[in-house]
Amino acid sequence: MKTFWKRSDGGVAIPFTLIFIATLMISGGALDYGRAIHLATILQTTADSAALNVASADKAIWSDLVAQAHVEADQRGQSVGAEKVAFSGNWISATDFQITASADVPFVLLVAVPGMPSKATVTASAVARTNTVANVSAPPSMAQLDPEAGDYNQIYVYCFDAGRAGEPDKGRSQMTVIADNGGSTYAFSMPTCKENESISYRLHNVRNARANKSKWNDPSAEQYDYYTDTTFDLKGAQVYNTGHQIVETVLCDDLTECKPKSQGGILPSGKNRTPQTETQVCEPGKFMYYGWEDRPPGLGWTDTDYDDIRVIVSCPTTVVKARNVRLIR
């Protein structure tokens, strides 16, 4: 060491620098990456807790719970100097709620090492599932079928489970007739759909039979059935899997909007047109309009005005009958 301190030619500068950098990398890496691991733990535990809280609570307050969790993650992240804390959540299905979180942790020591990053970005996610829920719709506010049509038409409501589509009933249960264009009056209760089921609609069409009641239930008559087999996209909007371009859907904020544009509403009208398909989420308090064409394009003569059957129903509400909440990832 005496010789080392007396040297003035700089011969040890390079190895000393290399040793210093290596030591800085080891000690700095341990400190900085330790802070990043700590931040990851904070984000993950907060995300897990938030997902469980949302899945356990009323869906109406989920955004408030996510906002509270965001504040908590931001406050806890200050212990390691976290920056740009982001926290968001959304329902990815009727039963699953997902939380995603991210934040940056600036490096304190490693930033002094050439070529090393100045920060680390940490992410976390959690999905909680609540089981045994029921989707409930009020009876249609209006179910009007064209009494002048040549075909006999019936509208049914049912619950659809895409996971059971391969079973004998094709995943369709609680099939309930609600209206026809033959002047019938039906006493019915709307189905209460279970977990993973969605309110769906069926059009039963018997060709050239409206004025001939004997054909309505005649197996030999020319008849067709079209099912919406409703599912949901990742945003929660309804997707109608009819297999034919047969139904038009329009979301109305209230019943006053669910009128044709010519009457001050928002519903489209006119012949020989492409039907509108709603892409927004059918939220409680709003109404969904269904306009049906009883003969899809390509299956007989049709004027494609999509008003042979007009149904307006309130958007379903989710009622939790018994709650079993758990993290699934």
Protein backbone atom coordinates (compact mmCIF):
# COMPACT_ATOMS: atom_id res chain seq x y z
CA MET A 1 0.00 0.00 0.00
CA LYS A 2 2.93 2.38 0.74
CA THR A 3 4.19 1.79 -2.76
CA PHE A 4 0.68 2.27 -4.14
CA TRP A 5 0.25 5.68 -2.55
CA LYS A 6 3.70 6.82 -3.70
CA ARG A 7 3.07 5.94 -7.35
CA SER A 8 2.42 9.02 -9.49
CA ASP A 9 2.56 7.62 -13.02
CA GLY A 10 -1.11 6.57 -13.09
CA GLY A 11 -0.28 2.98 -13.82
CA VAL A 12 -2.96 1.72 -11.46
CA ALA A 13 -5.68 4.15 -12.57
CA ILE A 14 -7.25 1.80 -15.10
CA PRO A 15 -7.46 -1.30 -12.90
CA PHE A 16 -8.57 0.85 -9.97
CA THR A 17 -11.34 2.35 -12.13
CA LEU A 18 -12.43 -1.08 -13.30
CA ILE A 19 -12.54 -2.38 -9.75
CA PHE A 20 -14.48 0.70 -8.66
CA ILE A 21 -17.03 0.29 -11.46
CA ALA A 22 -17.43 -3.41 -10.72
CA THR A 23 -17.93 -2.65 -7.04
CA LEU A 24 -20.43 0.09 -7.89
CA MET A 25 -22.33 -2.22 -10.19
CA ILE A 26 -22.54 -4.94 -7.57
CA SER A 27 -23.49 -2.73 -4.66
CA GLY A 28 -25.57 -0.35 -6.77
CA GLY A 29 -27.32 -3.21 -8.50
CA ALA A 30 -28.19 -4.80 -5.20
CA LEU A 31 -29.61 -1.53 -3.89
CA ASP A 32 -31.41 -0.30 -7.00
CA TYR A 33 -32.83 -3.64 -8.11
CA GLY A 34 -33.80 -4.32 -4.52
CA ARG A 35 -35.91 -1.16 -4.64
CA ALA A 36 -37.45 -2.34 -7.91
CA ILE A 37 -38.35 -5.71 -6.37
CA HIS A 38 -39.85 -3.91 -3.38
CA LEU A 39 -41.94 -1.75 -5.73
CA ALA A 40 -43.10 -4.85 -7.62
CA THR A 41 -44.31 -6.34 -4.33
CA ILE A 42 -46.15 -3.13 -3.48
CA LEU A 43 -47.89 -3.00 -6.87
CA GLN A 44 -48.80 -6.70 -6.83
CA THR A 45 -50.26 -6.72 -3.32
CA THR A 46 -52.20 -3.53 -4.03
CA ALA A 47 -53.48 -4.93 -7.34
CA ASP A 48 -54.52 -8.20 -5.70
CA SER A 49 -56.35 -6.39 -2.93
CA ALA A 50 -58.06 -3.97 -5.32
CA ALA A 51 -59.24 -6.74 -7.66
CA LEU A 52 -60.74 -8.67 -4.75
CA ASN A 53 -62.38 -5.53 -3.34
CA VAL A 54 -63.99 -4.63 -6.65
CA ALA A 55 -65.21 -8.18 -7.30
CA SER A 56 -66.72 -8.23 -3.81
CA ALA A 57 -68.51 -4.90 -4.10
CA ASP A 58 -71.37 -3.38 -6.05
CA LYS A 59 -70.37 -2.86 -9.69
CA ALA A 60 -71.61 0.71 -9.50
CA ILE A 61 -68.63 1.76 -7.35
CA TRP A 62 -65.82 -0.18 -9.04
CA SER A 63 -64.19 2.95 -10.50
CA ASP A 64 -64.07 4.57 -7.04
CA LEU A 65 -62.35 1.49 -5.59
CA VAL A 66 -59.77 1.50 -8.38
CA ALA A 67 -59.11 5.20 -7.78
CA GLN A 68 -58.58 4.54 -4.06
CA ALA A 69 -56.17 1.71 -4.85
CA HIS A 70 -54.27 4.03 -7.22
CA VAL A 71 -53.78 6.54 -4.39
CA GLU A 72 -52.64 3.76 -2.06
CA ALA A 73 -50.12 2.39 -4.58
CA ASP A 74 -48.78 5.89 -5.21
CA GLN A 75 -48.35 6.57 -1.48
CA ARG A 76 -46.72 3.22 -0.75
CA GLY A 77 -44.48 3.58 -3.78
CA GLN A 78 -42.99 6.78 -2.39
CA SER A 79 -40.96 4.66 0.03
CA VAL A 80 -38.79 3.55 -2.90
CA GLY A 81 -39.07 6.76 -4.91
CA ALA A 82 -41.60 5.42 -7.43
CA GLU A 83 -42.60 7.68 -10.30
CA LYS A 84 -45.40 7.63 -12.90
CA VAL A 85 -47.57 5.20 -10.92
CA ALA A 86 -50.41 4.03 -13.19
CA PHE A 87 -53.35 1.99 -11.96
CA SER A 88 -56.38 0.92 -13.96
CA GLY A 89 -59.09 -1.71 -13.94
CA ASN A 90 -61.93 -3.03 -16.05
CA TRP A 91 -64.45 -5.85 -16.20
CA ILE A 92 -63.17 -8.27 -18.82
CA SER A 93 -66.30 -10.41 -18.50
CA ALA A 94 -69.50 -10.48 -16.47
CA THR A 95 -67.62 -12.19 -13.64
CA ASP A 96 -63.92 -11.26 -14.01
CA PHE A 97 -62.32 -7.95 -13.01
CA GLN A 98 -58.75 -7.14 -14.02
CA ILE A 99 -56.35 -4.68 -12.42
CA THR A 100 -53.16 -3.54 -14.14
CA ALA A 101 -50.48 -1.39 -12.52
CA SER A 102 -47.10 0.02 -13.46
CA ALA A 103 -44.53 2.46 -12.12
CA ASP A 104 -40.96 3.59 -12.67
CA VAL A 105 -38.24 3.39 -10.01
CA PRO A 106 -35.24 5.65 -10.76
CA PHE A 107 -31.80 4.16 -10.15
CA VAL A 108 -29.61 5.98 -7.63
CA LEU A 109 -26.23 4.26 -8.02
CA LEU A 110 -26.44 2.35 -11.29
CA VAL A 111 -27.15 5.56 -13.17
CA ALA A 112 -23.49 6.51 -12.53
CA VAL A 113 -22.28 3.43 -14.40
CA PRO A 114 -21.81 4.04 -18.15
CA GLY A 115 -24.27 2.09 -20.29
CA MET A 116 -26.58 1.18 -17.41
CA PRO A 117 -30.28 2.19 -17.48
CA SER A 118 -31.47 5.14 -15.43
CA LYS A 119 -34.62 3.44 -14.20
CA ALA A 120 -36.66 0.26 -14.13
CA THR A 121 -40.32 -0.04 -15.11
CA VAL A 122 -42.26 -2.43 -12.89
CA THR A 123 -45.67 -3.91 -13.77
CA ALA A 124 -48.27 -6.02 -12.01
CA SER A 125 -51.71 -7.42 -12.78
CA ALA A 126 -54.45 -9.33 -11.03
CA VAL A 127 -57.78 -10.84 -12.03
CA ALA A 128 -60.50 -11.62 -9.48
CA ARG A 129 -63.60 -13.65 -10.24
CA THR A 130 -66.96 -13.45 -8.56
CA ASN A 131 -69.22 -16.45 -9.04
CA THR A 132 -72.95 -17.14 -8.92
CA VAL A 133 -74.28 -13.98 -10.47
CA ALA A 134 -77.56 -13.40 -12.28
CA ASN A 135 -78.32 -11.04 -15.17
CA VAL A 136 -81.83 -9.66 -14.89
CA SER A 137 -83.72 -7.67 -17.52
CA ALA A 138 -87.05 -5.98 -17.02
CA PRO A 139 -89.85 -6.99 -19.43
CA PRO A 140 -89.64 -5.23 -22.80
CA SER A 141 -90.78 -1.63 -22.77
CA MET A 142 -92.13 -2.28 -26.25
CA ALA A 143 -92.44 -5.44 -28.33
CA GLN A 144 -94.12 -4.61 -31.62
CA LEU A 145 -94.38 -7.03 -34.51
CA ASP A 146 -95.68 -5.97 -37.90
CA PRO A 147 -99.34 -7.15 -38.09
CA GLU A 148 -99.37 -6.70 -41.87
CA ALA A 149 -96.46 -9.03 -42.62
CA GLY A 150 -97.18 -12.14 -44.65
CA ASP A 151 -95.02 -14.31 -42.38
CA TYR A 152 -95.92 -15.36 -38.86
CA ASN A 153 -93.25 -14.19 -36.40
CA GLN A 154 -92.60 -14.90 -32.73
CA ILE A 155 -89.96 -13.36 -30.49
CA TYR A 156 -88.44 -15.36 -27.63
CA VAL A 157 -86.01 -14.35 -24.90
CA TYR A 158 -83.58 -16.86 -23.39
CA CYS A 159 -80.27 -17.26 -21.57
CA PHE A 160 -77.18 -18.25 -23.56
CA ASP A 161 -74.00 -19.85 -22.26
CA ALA A 162 -71.30 -19.99 -24.95
CA GLY A 163 -69.42 -22.56 -22.88
CA ARG A 164 -72.28 -25.02 -23.36
CA ALA A 165 -72.79 -24.40 -27.07
CA GLY A 166 -71.81 -28.00 -27.83
CA GLU A 167 -74.50 -29.51 -25.58
CA PRO A 168 -77.91 -30.70 -26.86
CA ASP A 169 -79.63 -27.41 -25.98
CA LYS A 170 -76.72 -25.52 -27.60
CA GLY A 171 -76.30 -23.50 -24.41
CA ARG A 172 -79.80 -21.98 -24.67
CA SER A 173 -82.03 -22.19 -21.63
CA GLN A 174 -85.25 -20.67 -20.21
CA MET A 175 -86.69 -20.14 -23.71
CA THR A 176 -89.61 -17.73 -23.19
CA VAL A 177 -91.99 -16.38 -25.86
CA ILE A 178 -92.80 -12.70 -25.35
CA ALA A 179 -94.67 -11.55 -28.48
CA ASP A 180 -95.95 -12.49 -31.93
CA ASN A 181 -97.66 -10.74 -34.84
CA GLY A 182 -100.76 -12.91 -34.67
CA GLY A 183 -102.48 -10.89 -31.96
CA SER A 184 -101.53 -13.22 -29.10
CA THR A 185 -101.04 -12.00 -25.55
CA TYR A 186 -98.37 -13.71 -23.47
CA ALA A 187 -98.01 -13.71 -19.69
CA PHE A 188 -94.33 -14.25 -18.94
CA SER A 189 -91.45 -13.47 -16.62
CA MET A 190 -88.07 -12.49 -17.99
CA PRO A 191 -85.39 -15.19 -17.48
CA THR A 192 -82.80 -14.73 -14.76
CA CYS A 193 -79.50 -15.69 -16.36
CA LYS A 194 -76.83 -17.42 -14.30
CA GLU A 195 -73.08 -17.10 -14.29
CA ASN A 196 -71.57 -16.92 -17.78
CA GLU A 197 -75.03 -16.59 -19.37
CA SER A 198 -76.43 -13.59 -21.23
CA ILE A 199 -79.90 -12.42 -22.21
CA SER A 200 -80.46 -13.38 -25.85
CA TYR A 201 -83.30 -13.34 -28.38
CA ARG A 202 -84.79 -15.77 -30.88
CA LEU A 203 -86.90 -15.01 -33.92
CA HIS A 204 -89.24 -17.82 -35.00
CA ASN A 205 -90.41 -17.22 -38.57
CA VAL A 206 -93.07 -19.23 -40.41
CA ARG A 207 -93.33 -18.25 -44.06
CA ASN A 208 -96.64 -16.98 -45.42
CA ALA A 209 -98.51 -18.07 -42.29
CA ARG A 210 -99.57 -14.95 -40.37
CA ALA A 211 -103.16 -15.18 -41.56
CA ASN A 212 -103.28 -18.99 -41.31
CA LYS A 213 -103.11 -19.99 -37.64
CA SER A 214 -103.09 -23.70 -38.47
CA LYS A 215 -99.59 -23.27 -39.90
CA TRP A 216 -98.11 -21.57 -36.84
CA ASN A 217 -97.14 -24.84 -35.21
CA ASP A 218 -97.23 -27.07 -38.27
CA PRO A 219 -93.91 -28.96 -38.55
CA SER A 220 -94.40 -29.26 -42.30
CA ALA A 221 -94.63 -25.49 -42.78
CA GLU A 222 -91.61 -23.58 -44.06
CA GLN A 223 -90.09 -22.13 -40.91
CA TYR A 224 -86.83 -20.70 -39.63
CA ASP A 225 -85.30 -19.88 -36.27
CA TYR A 226 -82.65 -17.22 -35.73
CA TYR A 227 -80.82 -16.83 -32.42
CA THR A 228 -78.72 -13.89 -31.26
CA ASP A 229 -76.64 -16.16 -28.93
CA THR A 230 -75.36 -12.99 -27.30
CA THR A 231 -71.81 -12.81 -25.96
CA PHE A 232 -69.67 -9.87 -24.86
CA ASP A 233 -66.46 -8.39 -26.20
CA LEU A 234 -63.59 -7.36 -23.94
CA LYS A 235 -65.15 -3.94 -23.41
CA GLY A 236 -68.41 -5.52 -22.25
CA ALA A 237 -70.39 -4.64 -25.36
CA GLN A 238 -72.91 -7.18 -26.64
CA VAL A 239 -72.02 -9.27 -29.68
CA TYR A 240 -74.85 -10.94 -31.59
CA ASN A 241 -74.02 -14.21 -33.28
CA THR A 242 -77.08 -14.71 -35.48
CA GLY A 243 -75.26 -16.17 -38.47
CA HIS A 244 -77.31 -13.84 -40.68
CA GLN A 245 -77.63 -10.09 -41.13
CA ILE A 246 -81.03 -10.08 -39.52
CA VAL A 247 -81.06 -7.74 -36.53
CA GLU A 248 -80.30 -4.05 -36.02
CA THR A 249 -79.25 -2.80 -32.58
CA VAL A 250 -79.21 0.75 -31.23
CA LEU A 251 -78.41 1.84 -27.68
CA CYS A 252 -80.69 4.57 -26.29
CA ASP A 253 -79.89 6.67 -23.23
CA ASP A 254 -83.63 6.80 -22.46
CA LEU A 255 -86.93 5.80 -24.02
CA THR A 256 -87.41 9.18 -25.70
CA GLU A 257 -84.41 8.42 -27.92
CA CYS A 258 -85.79 5.02 -28.96
CA LYS A 259 -87.92 6.49 -31.73
CA PRO A 260 -87.24 6.88 -35.47
CA LYS A 261 -85.24 9.95 -36.44
CA SER A 262 -88.33 11.27 -38.22
CA GLN A 263 -90.03 11.40 -34.81
CA GLY A 264 -87.15 13.09 -33.01
CA GLY A 265 -85.37 9.90 -31.93
CA ILE A 266 -82.15 8.22 -33.02
CA LEU A 267 -83.41 5.04 -34.70
CA PRO A 268 -82.50 4.67 -38.39
CA SER A 269 -85.14 3.87 -41.00
CA GLY A 270 -85.50 3.20 -44.69
CA LYS A 271 -85.43 0.25 -47.05
CA ASN A 272 -82.53 -1.55 -48.71
CA ARG A 273 -79.91 -0.61 -46.13
CA THR A 274 -77.24 -2.19 -43.98
CA PRO A 275 -78.39 -2.53 -40.37
CA GLN A 276 -76.67 -0.61 -37.60
CA THR A 277 -74.77 -2.69 -35.02
CA GLU A 278 -74.33 -1.21 -31.56
CA THR A 279 -70.80 -1.36 -30.17
CA GLN A 280 -71.34 0.47 -26.87
CA VAL A 281 -71.92 -1.28 -23.55
CA CYS A 282 -75.57 -1.75 -22.56
CA GLU A 283 -75.39 -0.21 -19.09
CA PRO A 284 -78.14 -0.34 -16.45
CA GLY A 285 -80.55 2.55 -16.90
CA LYS A 286 -80.23 2.58 -20.69
CA PHE A 287 -82.29 0.76 -23.33
CA MET A 288 -81.40 -1.45 -26.29
CA TYR A 289 -83.48 -1.34 -29.45
CA TYR A 290 -83.70 -4.47 -31.61
CA GLY A 291 -85.04 -4.09 -35.13
CA TRP A 292 -85.52 -7.39 -36.95
CA GLU A 293 -85.89 -8.33 -40.58
CA ASP A 294 -87.99 -11.49 -40.65
CA ARG A 295 -86.32 -12.65 -43.87
CA PRO A 296 -82.54 -12.25 -43.90
CA PRO A 297 -80.91 -11.12 -47.14
CA GLY A 298 -80.44 -14.15 -49.37
CA LEU A 299 -83.29 -16.17 -47.86
CA GLY A 300 -86.29 -15.03 -49.86
CA TRP A 301 -87.63 -11.61 -50.82
CA THR A 302 -86.88 -8.89 -48.30
CA ASP A 303 -86.99 -5.09 -48.22
CA THR A 304 -84.20 -4.92 -45.59
CA ASP A 305 -85.84 -2.13 -43.61
CA TYR A 306 -85.23 -3.91 -40.28
CA ASP A 307 -88.52 -2.94 -38.69
CA ASP A 308 -90.65 -6.07 -39.09
CA ILE A 309 -90.15 -6.73 -35.39
CA ARG A 310 -89.27 -3.90 -33.02
CA VAL A 311 -88.29 -4.62 -29.42
CA ILE A 312 -87.02 -2.19 -26.80
CA VAL A 313 -85.66 -3.65 -23.57
CA SER A 314 -83.92 -2.15 -20.58
CA CYS A 315 -80.25 -3.03 -20.23
CA PRO A 316 -79.68 -5.98 -17.87
CA THR A 317 -78.65 -5.43 -14.29
CA THR A 318 -76.32 -7.85 -12.57
CA VAL A 319 -77.70 -9.20 -9.33
CA VAL A 320 -75.35 -11.17 -7.10
CA LYS A 321 -77.24 -14.04 -5.52
CA ALA A 322 -74.30 -15.55 -3.67
CA ARG A 323 -70.76 -14.30 -3.83
CA ASN A 324 -67.63 -16.38 -4.02
CA VAL A 325 -64.67 -14.18 -4.87
CA ARG A 326 -61.15 -15.40 -5.62
CA LEU A 327 -58.03 -14.42 -7.51
CA ILE A 328 -57.61 -16.44 -10.68
CA ARG A 329 -54.31 -14.87 -11.83
